Amino acid sequence: MPDHANRRRFIAGAVCPRCAKMDKIVVDLDTDQRACVACGYSEARPQAATPGREIPTRVSRAAARRVETSAEVVTLIDPTAADK
């Protein structure tokens, strides 16, 4: 068995952009090439974008992380107990 065959891995749940078949995409771990074993589609794996400034959202704002909610006592009432 060729050594490079051990360096190819299937990507679970990946869908081929050409033939739309699921679980047919393999990635070559040495060259970062993606290929479809069903239709032969192949492309270079996208490179990760350089980390930039985080886009501010209402969740990522510092003020959103500082909110403290005080604890309150809750009394649970059994509605069937009143019928007895």
Protein backbone atom coordinates (compact mmCIF):
# COMPACT_ATOMS: atom_id res chain seq x y z
CA MET A 1 0.00 0.00 0.00
CA PRO A 2 1.45 3.41 -0.91
CA ASP A 3 2.47 5.63 1.98
CA HIS A 4 0.46 8.63 0.70
CA ALA A 5 -2.79 6.64 0.92
CA ASN A 6 -2.46 6.71 4.70
CA ARG A 7 -2.30 10.50 4.63
CA ARG A 8 -5.78 10.92 3.08
CA ARG A 9 -8.78 11.31 5.39
CA PHE A 10 -12.50 11.49 4.69
CA ILE A 11 -14.26 14.57 6.03
CA ALA A 12 -17.44 13.47 7.80
CA GLY A 13 -20.55 15.32 6.69
CA ALA A 14 -18.79 17.24 3.89
CA VAL A 15 -20.81 17.76 0.70
CA CYS A 16 -19.14 17.99 -2.70
CA PRO A 17 -19.80 21.38 -4.34
CA ARG A 18 -19.97 19.79 -7.82
CA CYS A 19 -21.98 16.55 -7.43
CA ALA A 20 -23.61 17.34 -4.03
CA LYS A 21 -22.87 13.88 -2.64
CA MET A 22 -22.22 13.68 1.08
CA ASP A 23 -19.25 11.90 2.69
CA LYS A 24 -17.25 11.65 -0.55
CA ILE A 25 -14.68 14.40 0.22
CA VAL A 26 -11.16 13.39 1.21
CA VAL A 27 -8.35 15.70 2.24
CA ASP A 28 -4.69 14.95 1.60
CA LEU A 29 -2.97 15.87 4.85
CA ASP A 30 0.37 16.47 3.10
CA THR A 31 -0.78 18.86 0.38
CA ASP A 32 -4.08 20.17 1.87
CA GLN A 33 -5.90 19.28 -1.35
CA ARG A 34 -9.59 18.40 -1.07
CA ALA A 35 -11.01 15.94 -3.59
CA CYS A 36 -14.30 14.16 -4.24
CA VAL A 37 -13.92 10.43 -4.80
CA ALA A 38 -17.29 10.27 -6.61
CA CYS A 39 -16.84 12.91 -9.35
CA GLY A 40 -13.13 13.81 -9.23
CA TYR A 41 -13.63 17.42 -8.12
CA SER A 42 -10.47 18.82 -6.53
CA GLU A 43 -9.39 22.12 -5.01
CA ALA A 44 -6.83 23.57 -2.63
CA ARG A 45 -8.05 23.71 0.93
CA PRO A 46 -8.93 27.29 1.97
CA GLN A 47 -6.35 28.96 4.15
CA ALA A 48 -7.38 30.36 7.51
CA ALA A 49 -7.91 34.09 7.49
CA THR A 50 -5.47 36.16 9.46
CA PRO A 51 -6.97 37.07 12.79
CA GLY A 52 -8.20 40.62 12.77
CA ARG A 53 -10.23 42.81 15.00
CA GLU A 54 -13.31 41.08 16.38
CA ILE A 55 -16.57 42.50 15.09
CA PRO A 56 -18.43 44.04 18.02
CA THR A 57 -21.78 42.43 18.74
CA ARG A 58 -24.11 42.81 21.67
CA VAL A 59 -22.67 39.59 23.12
CA SER A 60 -18.99 40.44 22.64
CA ARG A 61 -19.18 43.93 24.17
CA ALA A 62 -17.39 44.31 27.50
CA ALA A 63 -20.56 45.80 29.04
CA ALA A 64 -22.50 42.65 28.17
CA ARG A 65 -20.00 40.51 30.04
CA ARG A 66 -20.18 42.66 33.20
CA VAL A 67 -23.90 42.15 33.86
CA GLU A 68 -24.46 40.42 37.18
CA THR A 69 -27.89 39.04 37.95
CA SER A 70 -28.73 38.74 41.62
CA ALA A 71 -30.16 35.46 42.88
CA GLU A 72 -33.74 35.40 44.09
CA VAL A 73 -35.54 32.81 46.22
CA VAL A 74 -38.25 30.91 44.33
CA THR A 75 -41.03 29.03 46.10
CA LEU A 76 -42.50 26.09 44.21
CA ILE A 77 -46.19 25.45 44.84
CA ASP A 78 -47.81 22.09 44.07
CA PRO A 79 -51.14 22.90 42.30
CA THR A 80 -52.58 19.49 43.19
CA ALA A 81 -52.04 20.07 46.93
CA ALA A 82 -54.71 22.81 46.97
CA ASP A 83 -57.34 20.40 45.58
CA LYS A 84 -56.98 17.93 48.49
